[in-house]
Amino acid sequence: MYFAGDTMLILELGEIPERLGNISLALLPTNGLHIKPAGNMQVVMNAQEAAELTAMLKPELAVAGGRALEGIL
């Protein structure tokens, strides 16, 4: 199982399968969270980036999750 937490898509994540082997379940964030006080900088991958990571990881099952805290951050 791979739990991405609040992760940005970086190329090094593509190395996970060769380092750890087969991934049965990937839990990936999809909210594309941006932090307003930090110049609206994106700090969590969005759905498109999660799809790209899914293609790199090739898990048996991928589950999308996450929800932006609009108006709070």
Protein backbone atom coordinates (compact mmCIF):
# COMPACT_ATOMS: atom_id res chain seq x y z
CA MET A 1 0.00 0.00 0.00
CA TYR A 2 1.18 3.51 -0.81
CA PHE A 3 -0.38 6.47 1.03
CA ALA A 4 0.61 9.74 -0.61
CA GLY A 5 -0.71 12.06 2.10
CA ASP A 6 -0.39 15.70 1.04
CA THR A 7 2.09 15.17 -1.78
CA MET A 8 3.08 17.06 -4.89
CA LEU A 9 3.89 15.06 -8.01
CA ILE A 10 7.67 14.79 -8.46
CA LEU A 11 9.54 12.50 -10.85
CA GLU A 12 11.23 10.62 -8.00
CA LEU A 13 7.86 9.12 -7.02
CA GLY A 14 8.09 7.05 -10.19
CA GLU A 15 10.95 5.12 -8.53
CA ILE A 16 8.68 3.71 -5.83
CA PRO A 17 7.70 0.48 -7.68
CA GLU A 18 11.30 -0.45 -8.50
CA ARG A 19 12.37 0.25 -4.91
CA LEU A 20 9.41 -1.32 -3.11
CA GLY A 21 7.87 -3.71 -5.64
CA ASN A 22 4.23 -4.17 -6.56
CA ILE A 23 1.73 -1.72 -5.09
CA SER A 24 -1.65 -3.25 -4.34
CA LEU A 25 -3.34 -0.02 -3.20
CA ALA A 26 -2.45 3.63 -3.80
CA LEU A 27 -4.26 6.34 -1.82
CA LEU A 28 -3.69 9.64 -3.62
CA PRO A 29 -4.76 13.22 -2.90
CA THR A 30 -6.64 15.03 -5.66
CA ASN A 31 -7.62 18.37 -4.16
CA GLY A 32 -4.84 20.49 -5.70
CA LEU A 33 -4.71 22.53 -2.49
CA HIS A 34 -3.31 26.05 -2.84
CA ILE A 35 -2.16 28.10 0.17
CA LYS A 36 -3.44 31.67 -0.15
CA PRO A 37 -0.97 33.29 2.32
CA ALA A 38 1.90 31.71 0.35
CA GLY A 39 0.96 33.49 -2.87
CA ASN A 40 -1.67 30.89 -3.76
CA MET A 41 1.08 28.29 -4.18
CA GLN A 42 -0.10 24.75 -4.98
CA VAL A 43 1.04 22.33 -2.26
CA VAL A 44 -0.94 19.15 -3.03
CA MET A 45 -1.34 17.37 -6.37
CA ASN A 46 -4.56 17.76 -8.32
CA ALA A 47 -6.60 15.04 -10.06
CA GLN A 48 -4.59 15.22 -13.30
CA GLU A 49 -1.32 14.87 -11.40
CA ALA A 50 -2.77 11.99 -9.35
CA ALA A 51 -3.69 10.26 -12.63
CA GLU A 52 -0.11 10.73 -13.86
CA LEU A 53 1.26 9.25 -10.63
CA THR A 54 -1.16 6.33 -10.92
CA ALA A 55 0.27 5.61 -14.37
CA MET A 56 3.80 5.66 -12.91
CA LEU A 57 3.00 3.48 -9.88
CA LYS A 58 0.74 1.01 -11.70
CA PRO A 59 -1.12 -0.04 -8.54
CA GLU A 60 -3.73 -2.79 -8.60
CA LEU A 61 -6.20 -0.23 -7.20
CA ALA A 62 -5.95 3.55 -6.87
CA VAL A 63 -8.27 5.55 -4.61
CA ALA A 64 -8.58 9.31 -4.99
CA GLY A 65 -9.20 11.46 -1.95
CA GLY A 66 -8.76 14.84 -0.36
CA ARG A 67 -10.76 18.01 -0.12
CA ALA A 68 -9.58 21.61 -0.15
CA LEU A 69 -10.32 23.77 2.86
CA GLU A 70 -11.69 26.71 0.90
CA GLY A 71 -11.87 29.93 2.81
CA ILE A 72 -9.83 28.58 5.73
CA LEU A 73 -6.29 28.62 4.32
